[in-house]
Amino acid sequence: MNEHQNFSDYTKSERKIADFIEKNKNAVMYLNETELASTIGSSNATLSRFWRKIGYKNFKEFKQSYLEQQVITPKTKFERILAKVEDNGKSLQQSLFDFMQYQLTDTLEHIDEAQSQVCVKRIATCRRLFIYAPTSSTGLGFLMKHRLMRFGIDVVILASYDQELFEQILHLQENDCVFIFGFVKMTREAAILLDHAKEIQCHSIVITDSIVHEFQKLCTQTFYVNRGDLEEFHSMVAATFLIEHLIVSLGQMKSEEALDNLEFLNNLREKYKHGK
């Protein structure tokens, strides 16, 4: 449906529907068919005939076609997840739960436990762990640092962009380990970091949301997490699960040291609870 379409054979009700949709396409994506009919002052039966007239089986197919034509932006990604929620007839909470449960299940199916143990050992035995967590993965990077420091792991959060990143890469050594969140695509900075790590024979681990990707040839290990389709709102639930899985595994591997550190932390808190 577009501005050059011939509306001469449309009924008055159909022209009213077409005019409303053309003027309010983004708002329409948030409505179900009953809400749309009520808003326009029409009926579900009239809308059903209208979808068929413009070449779609139903409202759901019209929504899907519209969303597929949009430029992928954070706004359109969010509109897509909201449209899915409206279409499946479930509550928002149940829809999100189902959405995230699928991502967790798919992620779990791709985890090789032997490889995750190798990864944990590399983190446990490295001199220092350098974490590159740009943009939306920044929170995951700081979560890792917070958890790992309790196990006595020396962690550095790397800068996201060139100049400061170069200053930090200068201190990278062979017995260090690089951990990269490489979502959607490989950034220039991630490529530089991996290339340098490979050159000095430093282990590098990448978490990516792509099954087929370009990280494989540059890094030591990769792990896949499901964050949703490229065109949709991206969740961090599965990525958080993988990070927590690695951290708990590390705790098992360094259980005695971990418990000693946690006990010392608790004693410090108790000592200075009321100030001194």
C-alpha atoms as a PDB file:
ATOM      1  CA  MET A   1       0.000   0.000   0.000  1.00  0.00           C
ATOM      2  CA  ASN A   2       1.533   3.323  -1.058  1.00  0.00           C
ATOM      3  CA  GLU A   3       0.644   6.868  -2.092  1.00  0.00           C
ATOM      4  CA  HIS A   4       0.532   5.933  -5.802  1.00  0.00           C
ATOM      5  CA  GLN A   5      -1.959   3.102  -5.297  1.00  0.00           C
ATOM      6  CA  ASN A   6      -5.329   3.415  -7.061  1.00  0.00           C
ATOM      7  CA  PHE A   7      -8.054   3.716  -4.421  1.00  0.00           C
ATOM      8  CA  SER A   8     -10.911   4.366  -6.874  1.00  0.00           C
ATOM      9  CA  ASP A   9     -12.504   0.934  -6.403  1.00  0.00           C
ATOM     10  CA  TYR A  10     -12.304   1.134  -2.606  1.00  0.00           C
ATOM     11  CA  THR A  11     -15.463   1.578  -0.533  1.00  0.00           C
ATOM     12  CA  LYS A  12     -15.805   4.550   1.787  1.00  0.00           C
ATOM     13  CA  SER A  13     -14.923   2.342   4.779  1.00  0.00           C
ATOM     14  CA  GLU A  14     -11.864   0.925   3.003  1.00  0.00           C
ATOM     15  CA  ARG A  15     -10.599   4.398   2.080  1.00  0.00           C
ATOM     16  CA  LYS A  16     -11.016   5.418   5.710  1.00  0.00           C
ATOM     17  CA  ILE A  17      -8.951   2.423   6.831  1.00  0.00           C
ATOM     18  CA  ALA A  18      -6.263   3.065   4.194  1.00  0.00           C
ATOM     19  CA  ASP A  19      -6.036   6.751   5.129  1.00  0.00           C
ATOM     20  CA  PHE A  20      -5.693   5.967   8.839  1.00  0.00           C
ATOM     21  CA  ILE A  21      -2.968   3.363   8.248  1.00  0.00           C
ATOM     22  CA  GLU A  22      -0.987   5.610   5.905  1.00  0.00           C
ATOM     23  CA  LYS A  23      -1.029   8.411   8.479  1.00  0.00           C
ATOM     24  CA  ASN A  24      -0.408   6.218  11.540  1.00  0.00           C
ATOM     25  CA  LYS A  25       1.671   3.230  10.419  1.00  0.00           C
ATOM     26  CA  ASN A  26       3.979   3.235  13.418  1.00  0.00           C
ATOM     27  CA  ALA A  27       1.079   3.480  15.873  1.00  0.00           C
ATOM     28  CA  VAL A  28      -0.764   0.671  14.052  1.00  0.00           C
ATOM     29  CA  MET A  29       2.149  -1.690  14.785  1.00  0.00           C
ATOM     30  CA  TYR A  30       1.287  -1.498  18.495  1.00  0.00           C
ATOM     31  CA  LEU A  31      -2.391  -2.447  18.052  1.00  0.00           C
ATOM     32  CA  ASN A  32      -4.149  -5.777  17.622  1.00  0.00           C
ATOM     33  CA  GLU A  33      -6.912  -6.045  15.027  1.00  0.00           C
ATOM     34  CA  THR A  34      -9.767  -5.468  17.475  1.00  0.00           C
ATOM     35  CA  GLU A  35      -8.094  -2.327  18.843  1.00  0.00           C
ATOM     36  CA  LEU A  36      -7.469  -1.069  15.304  1.00  0.00           C
ATOM     37  CA  ALA A  37     -11.109  -1.636  14.328  1.00  0.00           C
ATOM     38  CA  SER A  38     -12.295   0.209  17.433  1.00  0.00           C
ATOM     39  CA  THR A  39      -9.885   3.111  16.840  1.00  0.00           C
ATOM     40  CA  ILE A  40     -10.986   3.565  13.223  1.00  0.00           C
ATOM     41  CA  GLY A  41     -14.672   2.963  13.943  1.00  0.00           C
ATOM     42  CA  SER A  42     -14.813  -0.138  11.750  1.00  0.00           C
ATOM     43  CA  SER A  43     -15.263  -3.891  12.324  1.00  0.00           C
ATOM     44  CA  ASN A  44     -12.966  -6.923  12.305  1.00  0.00           C
ATOM     45  CA  ALA A  45     -14.871  -8.328   9.313  1.00  0.00           C
ATOM     46  CA  THR A  46     -14.311  -5.129   7.304  1.00  0.00           C
ATOM     47  CA  LEU A  47     -10.628  -5.149   8.215  1.00  0.00           C
ATOM     48  CA  SER A  48     -10.311  -8.804   7.155  1.00  0.00           C
ATOM     49  CA  ARG A  49     -11.715  -7.951   3.722  1.00  0.00           C
ATOM     50  CA  PHE A  50      -9.391  -4.924   3.537  1.00  0.00           C
ATOM     51  CA  TRP A  51      -6.218  -6.980   4.178  1.00  0.00           C
ATOM     52  CA  ARG A  52      -7.137  -9.386   1.386  1.00  0.00           C
ATOM     53  CA  LYS A  53      -7.881  -6.508  -0.958  1.00  0.00           C
ATOM     54  CA  ILE A  54      -4.402  -5.022  -0.516  1.00  0.00           C
ATOM     55  CA  GLY A  55      -2.714  -8.403  -0.948  1.00  0.00           C
ATOM     56  CA  TYR A  56      -2.321  -9.836   2.557  1.00  0.00           C
ATOM     57  CA  LYS A  57      -3.894 -12.854   4.251  1.00  0.00           C
ATOM     58  CA  ASN A  58      -4.472 -10.986   7.515  1.00  0.00           C
ATOM     59  CA  PHE A  59      -3.308  -8.177   9.793  1.00  0.00           C
ATOM     60  CA  LYS A  60      -0.363 -10.219  11.045  1.00  0.00           C
ATOM     61  CA  GLU A  61       1.000 -10.646   7.515  1.00  0.00           C
ATOM     62  CA  PHE A  62       0.550  -6.908   6.831  1.00  0.00           C
ATOM     63  CA  LYS A  63       2.527  -6.053   9.987  1.00  0.00           C
ATOM     64  CA  GLN A  64       5.297  -8.478   9.081  1.00  0.00           C
ATOM     65  CA  SER A  65       5.596  -7.050   5.559  1.00  0.00           C
ATOM     66  CA  TYR A  66       5.730  -3.491   6.870  1.00  0.00           C
ATOM     67  CA  LEU A  67       8.401  -4.284   9.458  1.00  0.00           C
ATOM     68  CA  GLU A  68      10.565  -6.092   6.900  1.00  0.00           C
ATOM     69  CA  GLN A  69      10.674  -2.942   4.772  1.00  0.00           C
ATOM     70  CA  GLN A  70      11.883  -0.695   7.561  1.00  0.00           C
ATOM     71  CA  VAL A  71      15.483   0.415   8.088  1.00  0.00           C
ATOM     72  CA  ILE A  72      16.863  -1.458  11.108  1.00  0.00           C
ATOM     73  CA  THR A  73      17.190   0.997  13.998  1.00  0.00           C
ATOM     74  CA  PRO A  74      16.750   0.614  17.782  1.00  0.00           C
ATOM     75  CA  LYS A  75      13.229   2.021  17.313  1.00  0.00           C
ATOM     76  CA  THR A  76      12.214  -0.492  14.630  1.00  0.00           C
ATOM     77  CA  LYS A  77      13.735  -3.354  16.624  1.00  0.00           C
ATOM     78  CA  PHE A  78      11.581  -2.415  19.588  1.00  0.00           C
ATOM     79  CA  GLU A  79       8.514  -2.044  17.380  1.00  0.00           C
ATOM     80  CA  ARG A  80       9.037  -5.584  16.106  1.00  0.00           C
ATOM     81  CA  ILE A  81       9.126  -7.164  19.531  1.00  0.00           C
ATOM     82  CA  LEU A  82       6.015  -5.201  20.531  1.00  0.00           C
ATOM     83  CA  ALA A  83       4.250  -6.329  17.351  1.00  0.00           C
ATOM     84  CA  LYS A  84       5.093  -9.952  18.172  1.00  0.00           C
ATOM     85  CA  VAL A  85       3.665  -9.532  21.656  1.00  0.00           C
ATOM     86  CA  GLU A  86       0.438  -8.117  20.248  1.00  0.00           C
ATOM     87  CA  ASP A  87       0.117 -10.900  17.666  1.00  0.00           C
ATOM     88  CA  ASN A  88       0.582 -13.907  19.943  1.00  0.00           C
ATOM     89  CA  GLY A  89      -2.275 -12.963  22.270  1.00  0.00           C
ATOM     90  CA  LYS A  90      -0.236 -13.539  25.451  1.00  0.00           C
ATOM     91  CA  SER A  91       0.574 -11.110  28.237  1.00  0.00           C
ATOM     92  CA  LEU A  92       3.739  -9.032  27.961  1.00  0.00           C
ATOM     93  CA  GLN A  93       5.325 -10.977  30.825  1.00  0.00           C
ATOM     94  CA  GLN A  94       4.569 -14.371  29.280  1.00  0.00           C
ATOM     95  CA  SER A  95       5.701 -13.253  25.824  1.00  0.00           C
ATOM     96  CA  LEU A  96       9.035 -11.991  27.136  1.00  0.00           C
ATOM     97  CA  PHE A  97       9.485 -15.130  29.230  1.00  0.00           C
ATOM     98  CA  ASP A  98       8.889 -17.353  26.173  1.00  0.00           C
ATOM     99  CA  PHE A  99      11.187 -15.172  24.060  1.00  0.00           C
ATOM    100  CA  MET A 100      14.018 -15.382  26.596  1.00  0.00           C
ATOM    101  CA  GLN A 101      13.456 -19.052  27.364  1.00  0.00           C
ATOM    102  CA  TYR A 102      13.968 -19.858  23.688  1.00  0.00           C
ATOM    103  CA  GLN A 103      17.192 -17.817  23.634  1.00  0.00           C
ATOM    104  CA  LEU A 104      18.504 -19.593  26.731  1.00  0.00           C
ATOM    105  CA  THR A 105      17.618 -23.047  25.368  1.00  0.00           C
ATOM    106  CA  ASP A 106      19.262 -22.347  22.016  1.00  0.00           C
ATOM    107  CA  THR A 107      22.372 -20.946  23.733  1.00  0.00           C
ATOM    108  CA  LEU A 108      22.628 -23.960  26.036  1.00  0.00           C
ATOM    109  CA  GLU A 109      22.465 -26.337  23.072  1.00  0.00           C
ATOM    110  CA  HIS A 110      25.531 -24.622  21.573  1.00  0.00           C
ATOM    111  CA  ILE A 111      27.670 -24.719  24.734  1.00  0.00           C
ATOM    112  CA  ASP A 112      30.409 -27.339  24.647  1.00  0.00           C
ATOM    113  CA  GLU A 113      31.116 -28.054  28.309  1.00  0.00           C
ATOM    114  CA  ALA A 114      34.659 -29.236  27.601  1.00  0.00           C
ATOM    115  CA  GLN A 115      35.406 -25.986  25.761  1.00  0.00           C
ATOM    116  CA  SER A 116      33.870 -23.901  28.543  1.00  0.00           C
ATOM    117  CA  GLN A 117      36.188 -25.627  31.052  1.00  0.00           C
ATOM    118  CA  VAL A 118      39.177 -24.822  28.823  1.00  0.00           C
ATOM    119  CA  CYS A 119      38.005 -21.194  28.767  1.00  0.00           C
ATOM    120  CA  VAL A 120      37.640 -21.100  32.553  1.00  0.00           C
ATOM    121  CA  LYS A 121      41.145 -22.513  32.988  1.00  0.00           C
ATOM    122  CA  ARG A 122      42.572 -19.833  30.681  1.00  0.00           C
ATOM    123  CA  ILE A 123      40.870 -17.114  32.725  1.00  0.00           C
ATOM    124  CA  ALA A 124      41.993 -18.679  36.016  1.00  0.00           C
ATOM    125  CA  THR A 125      45.644 -18.979  35.024  1.00  0.00           C
ATOM    126  CA  CYS A 126      46.232 -15.794  33.033  1.00  0.00           C
ATOM    127  CA  ARG A 127      48.345 -12.972  34.444  1.00  0.00           C
ATOM    128  CA  ARG A 128      45.656 -10.426  33.660  1.00  0.00           C
ATOM    129  CA  LEU A 129      42.277 -10.535  31.886  1.00  0.00           C
ATOM    130  CA  PHE A 130      41.590  -7.737  29.405  1.00  0.00           C
ATOM    131  CA  ILE A 131      37.862  -7.330  28.676  1.00  0.00           C
ATOM    132  CA  TYR A 132      36.613  -5.510  25.573  1.00  0.00           C
ATOM    133  CA  ALA A 133      32.891  -4.797  26.056  1.00  0.00           C
ATOM    134  CA  PRO A 134      31.740  -1.968  23.764  1.00  0.00           C
ATOM    135  CA  THR A 135      28.322  -0.256  23.566  1.00  0.00           C
ATOM    136  CA  SER A 136      25.451  -2.435  24.860  1.00  0.00           C
ATOM    137  CA  SER A 137      27.804  -5.089  26.285  1.00  0.00           C
ATOM    138  CA  THR A 138      29.506  -2.640  28.672  1.00  0.00           C
ATOM    139  CA  GLY A 139      27.358  -3.815  31.592  1.00  0.00           C
ATOM    140  CA  LEU A 140      28.382  -7.430  30.970  1.00  0.00           C
ATOM    141  CA  GLY A 141      32.029  -6.419  31.061  1.00  0.00           C
ATOM    142  CA  PHE A 142      31.649  -4.738  34.448  1.00  0.00           C
ATOM    143  CA  LEU A 143      29.615  -7.682  35.749  1.00  0.00           C
ATOM    144  CA  MET A 144      32.520  -9.982  34.834  1.00  0.00           C
ATOM    145  CA  LYS A 145      35.042  -7.692  36.476  1.00  0.00           C
ATOM    146  CA  HIS A 146      32.988  -7.429  39.670  1.00  0.00           C
ATOM    147  CA  ARG A 147      32.605 -11.203  39.953  1.00  0.00           C
ATOM    148  CA  LEU A 148      36.143 -12.174  38.923  1.00  0.00           C
ATOM    149  CA  MET A 149      37.913  -9.764  41.251  1.00  0.00           C
ATOM    150  CA  ARG A 150      36.417 -11.749  44.148  1.00  0.00           C
ATOM    151  CA  PHE A 151      38.435 -14.730  42.922  1.00  0.00           C
ATOM    152  CA  GLY A 152      41.645 -12.738  42.817  1.00  0.00           C
ATOM    153  CA  ILE A 153      41.606 -12.290  39.016  1.00  0.00           C
ATOM    154  CA  ASP A 154      43.265  -9.070  37.841  1.00  0.00           C
ATOM    155  CA  VAL A 155      40.799  -7.534  35.340  1.00  0.00           C
ATOM    156  CA  VAL A 156      41.167  -4.549  33.013  1.00  0.00           C
ATOM    157  CA  ILE A 157      38.169  -3.091  31.150  1.00  0.00           C
ATOM    158  CA  LEU A 158      39.472  -1.884  27.806  1.00  0.00           C
ATOM    159  CA  ALA A 159      38.458   1.404  26.211  1.00  0.00           C
ATOM    160  CA  SER A 160      36.019   1.148  23.326  1.00  0.00           C
ATOM    161  CA  TYR A 161      37.869   3.365  20.852  1.00  0.00           C
ATOM    162  CA  ASP A 162      41.269   3.756  19.219  1.00  0.00           C
ATOM    163  CA  GLN A 163      43.592   6.066  21.123  1.00  0.00           C
ATOM    164  CA  GLU A 164      43.006   4.953  24.707  1.00  0.00           C
ATOM    165  CA  LEU A 165      42.677   1.343  23.543  1.00  0.00           C
ATOM    166  CA  PHE A 166      46.141   1.509  21.941  1.00  0.00           C
ATOM    167  CA  GLU A 167      47.578   2.772  25.229  1.00  0.00           C
ATOM    168  CA  GLN A 168      46.108  -0.256  27.035  1.00  0.00           C
ATOM    169  CA  ILE A 169      47.096  -2.802  24.360  1.00  0.00           C
ATOM    170  CA  LEU A 170      50.681  -1.700  24.957  1.00  0.00           C
ATOM    171  CA  HIS A 171      50.572  -3.606  28.274  1.00  0.00           C
ATOM    172  CA  LEU A 172      49.202  -6.856  26.836  1.00  0.00           C
ATOM    173  CA  GLN A 173      51.570  -9.818  27.361  1.00  0.00           C
ATOM    174  CA  GLU A 174      51.741 -13.414  26.176  1.00  0.00           C
ATOM    175  CA  ASN A 175      50.470 -14.847  29.468  1.00  0.00           C
ATOM    176  CA  ASP A 176      47.438 -12.516  29.533  1.00  0.00           C
ATOM    177  CA  CYS A 177      43.987 -13.320  28.136  1.00  0.00           C
ATOM    178  CA  VAL A 178      41.664 -11.136  26.048  1.00  0.00           C
ATOM    179  CA  PHE A 179      37.882 -11.500  26.396  1.00  0.00           C
ATOM    180  CA  ILE A 180      35.744  -9.817  23.730  1.00  0.00           C
ATOM    181  CA  PHE A 181      31.999  -9.269  23.368  1.00  0.00           C
ATOM    182  CA  GLY A 182      31.597  -9.316  19.590  1.00  0.00           C
ATOM    183  CA  PHE A 183      27.910  -8.813  18.938  1.00  0.00           C
ATOM    184  CA  VAL A 184      26.404  -8.227  15.449  1.00  0.00           C
ATOM    185  CA  LYS A 185      29.735  -7.709  13.654  1.00  0.00           C
ATOM    186  CA  MET A 186      33.456  -7.402  14.238  1.00  0.00           C
ATOM    187  CA  THR A 187      34.395  -3.808  14.961  1.00  0.00           C
ATOM    188  CA  ARG A 188      37.668  -2.293  13.776  1.00  0.00           C
ATOM    189  CA  GLU A 189      38.866  -2.105  17.382  1.00  0.00           C
ATOM    190  CA  ALA A 190      38.050  -5.778  18.044  1.00  0.00           C
ATOM    191  CA  ALA A 191      39.940  -6.773  14.893  1.00  0.00           C
ATOM    192  CA  ILE A 192      42.999  -4.747  15.984  1.00  0.00           C
ATOM    193  CA  LEU A 193      42.885  -6.248  19.469  1.00  0.00           C
ATOM    194  CA  LEU A 194      42.588  -9.830  18.154  1.00  0.00           C
ATOM    195  CA  ASP A 195      45.319  -9.310  15.592  1.00  0.00           C
ATOM    196  CA  HIS A 196      47.730  -8.017  18.237  1.00  0.00           C
ATOM    197  CA  ALA A 197      46.808 -10.812  20.687  1.00  0.00           C
ATOM    198  CA  LYS A 198      47.473 -13.391  17.977  1.00  0.00           C
ATOM    199  CA  GLU A 199      50.790 -11.757  17.108  1.00  0.00           C
ATOM    200  CA  ILE A 200      52.082 -11.994  20.703  1.00  0.00           C
ATOM    201  CA  GLN A 201      50.492 -15.472  21.168  1.00  0.00           C
ATOM    202  CA  CYS A 202      48.054 -14.311  23.812  1.00  0.00           C
ATOM    203  CA  HIS A 203      44.807 -16.289  24.233  1.00  0.00           C
ATOM    204  CA  SER A 204      41.634 -14.536  23.094  1.00  0.00           C
ATOM    205  CA  ILE A 205      38.016 -15.516  23.771  1.00  0.00           C
ATOM    206  CA  VAL A 206      35.021 -14.078  21.925  1.00  0.00           C
ATOM    207  CA  ILE A 207      31.312 -14.190  22.752  1.00  0.00           C
ATOM    208  CA  THR A 208      29.258 -13.574  19.623  1.00  0.00           C
ATOM    209  CA  ASP A 209      25.591 -13.724  18.619  1.00  0.00           C
ATOM    210  CA  SER A 210      26.416 -15.130  15.171  1.00  0.00           C
ATOM    211  CA  ILE A 211      26.846 -18.826  14.415  1.00  0.00           C
ATOM    212  CA  VAL A 212      28.723 -18.044  11.208  1.00  0.00           C
ATOM    213  CA  HIS A 213      31.223 -15.262  11.868  1.00  0.00           C
ATOM    214  CA  GLU A 214      34.687 -13.924  11.087  1.00  0.00           C
ATOM    215  CA  PHE A 215      36.113 -14.158  14.611  1.00  0.00           C
ATOM    216  CA  GLN A 216      37.025 -17.843  14.285  1.00  0.00           C
ATOM    217  CA  LYS A 217      40.246 -17.339  12.321  1.00  0.00           C
ATOM    218  CA  LEU A 218      41.540 -14.636  14.680  1.00  0.00           C
ATOM    219  CA  CYS A 219      40.788 -15.860  18.203  1.00  0.00           C
ATOM    220  CA  THR A 220      41.519 -18.877  20.394  1.00  0.00           C
ATOM    221  CA  GLN A 221      37.907 -19.645  21.329  1.00  0.00           C
ATOM    222  CA  THR A 222      34.394 -18.478  20.491  1.00  0.00           C
ATOM    223  CA  PHE A 223      31.073 -18.937  22.258  1.00  0.00           C
ATOM    224  CA  TYR A 224      27.655 -18.371  20.697  1.00  0.00           C
ATOM    225  CA  VAL A 225      24.711 -16.779  22.517  1.00  0.00           C
ATOM    226  CA  ASN A 226      21.234 -16.217  21.086  1.00  0.00           C
ATOM    227  CA  ARG A 227      20.158 -12.571  21.375  1.00  0.00           C
ATOM    228  CA  GLY A 228      17.247 -12.694  18.920  1.00  0.00           C
ATOM    229  CA  ASP A 229      17.090 -12.066  15.179  1.00  0.00           C
ATOM    230  CA  LEU A 230      19.263  -9.328  13.687  1.00  0.00           C
ATOM    231  CA  GLU A 231      16.226  -7.123  12.963  1.00  0.00           C
ATOM    232  CA  GLU A 232      14.716  -7.519  16.434  1.00  0.00           C
ATOM    233  CA  PHE A 233      15.194  -6.151  19.934  1.00  0.00           C
ATOM    234  CA  HIS A 234      18.321  -7.814  21.344  1.00  0.00           C
ATOM    235  CA  SER A 235      18.184  -9.364  24.813  1.00  0.00           C
ATOM    236  CA  MET A 236      21.219  -9.849  27.059  1.00  0.00           C
ATOM    237  CA  VAL A 237      19.670 -12.714  29.051  1.00  0.00           C
ATOM    238  CA  ALA A 238      21.543 -15.539  27.282  1.00  0.00           C
ATOM    239  CA  ALA A 239      24.825 -13.601  27.322  1.00  0.00           C
ATOM    240  CA  THR A 240      24.430 -12.994  31.059  1.00  0.00           C
ATOM    241  CA  PHE A 241      23.681 -16.691  31.556  1.00  0.00           C
ATOM    242  CA  LEU A 242      26.906 -17.680  29.773  1.00  0.00           C
ATOM    243  CA  ILE A 243      28.967 -15.232  31.823  1.00  0.00           C
ATOM    244  CA  GLU A 244      27.463 -16.505  35.079  1.00  0.00           C
ATOM    245  CA  HIS A 245      28.058 -20.091  33.925  1.00  0.00           C
ATOM    246  CA  LEU A 246      31.760 -19.361  33.363  1.00  0.00           C
ATOM    247  CA  ILE A 247      32.059 -17.551  36.692  1.00  0.00           C
ATOM    248  CA  VAL A 248      30.409 -20.347  38.697  1.00  0.00           C
ATOM    249  CA  SER A 249      32.647 -22.873  36.906  1.00  0.00           C
ATOM    250  CA  LEU A 250      35.632 -20.757  37.874  1.00  0.00           C
ATOM    251  CA  GLY A 251      34.388 -20.758  41.465  1.00  0.00           C
ATOM    252  CA  GLN A 252      34.298 -24.562  41.408  1.00  0.00           C
ATOM    253  CA  MET A 253      37.807 -24.704  39.984  1.00  0.00           C
ATOM    254  CA  LYS A 254      39.203 -22.267  42.564  1.00  0.00           C
ATOM    255  CA  SER A 255      36.792 -23.167  45.347  1.00  0.00           C
ATOM    256  CA  GLU A 256      39.218 -22.950  48.271  1.00  0.00           C
ATOM    257  CA  GLU A 257      40.722 -19.636  47.189  1.00  0.00           C
ATOM    258  CA  ALA A 258      37.281 -18.283  46.264  1.00  0.00           C
ATOM    259  CA  LEU A 259      35.829 -19.125  49.683  1.00  0.00           C
ATOM    260  CA  ASP A 260      38.840 -17.595  51.456  1.00  0.00           C
ATOM    261  CA  ASN A 261      38.449 -14.370  49.456  1.00  0.00           C
ATOM    262  CA  LEU A 262      34.714 -14.198  50.110  1.00  0.00           C
ATOM    263  CA  GLU A 263      35.244 -14.778  53.834  1.00  0.00           C
ATOM    264  CA  PHE A 264      37.893 -12.040  53.921  1.00  0.00           C
ATOM    265  CA  LEU A 265      35.484  -9.708  52.063  1.00  0.00           C
ATOM    266  CA  ASN A 266      32.734 -10.432  54.561  1.00  0.00           C
ATOM    267  CA  ASN A 267      35.088  -9.810  57.504  1.00  0.00           C
ATOM    268  CA  LEU A 268      36.099  -6.455  56.002  1.00  0.00           C
ATOM    269  CA  ARG A 269      32.454  -5.452  55.668  1.00  0.00           C
ATOM    270  CA  GLU A 270      31.724  -6.450  59.231  1.00  0.00           C
ATOM    271  CA  LYS A 271      34.802  -4.631  60.534  1.00  0.00           C
ATOM    272  CA  TYR A 272      33.859  -1.329  58.888  1.00  0.00           C
ATOM    273  CA  LYS A 273      30.075  -1.711  58.994  1.00  0.00           C
ATOM    274  CA  HIS A 274      29.619   1.155  61.421  1.00  0.00           C
ATOM    275  CA  GLY A 275      32.669   3.139  60.369  1.00  0.00           C
ATOM    276  CA  LYS A 276      35.817   3.519  62.365  1.00  0.00           C
END
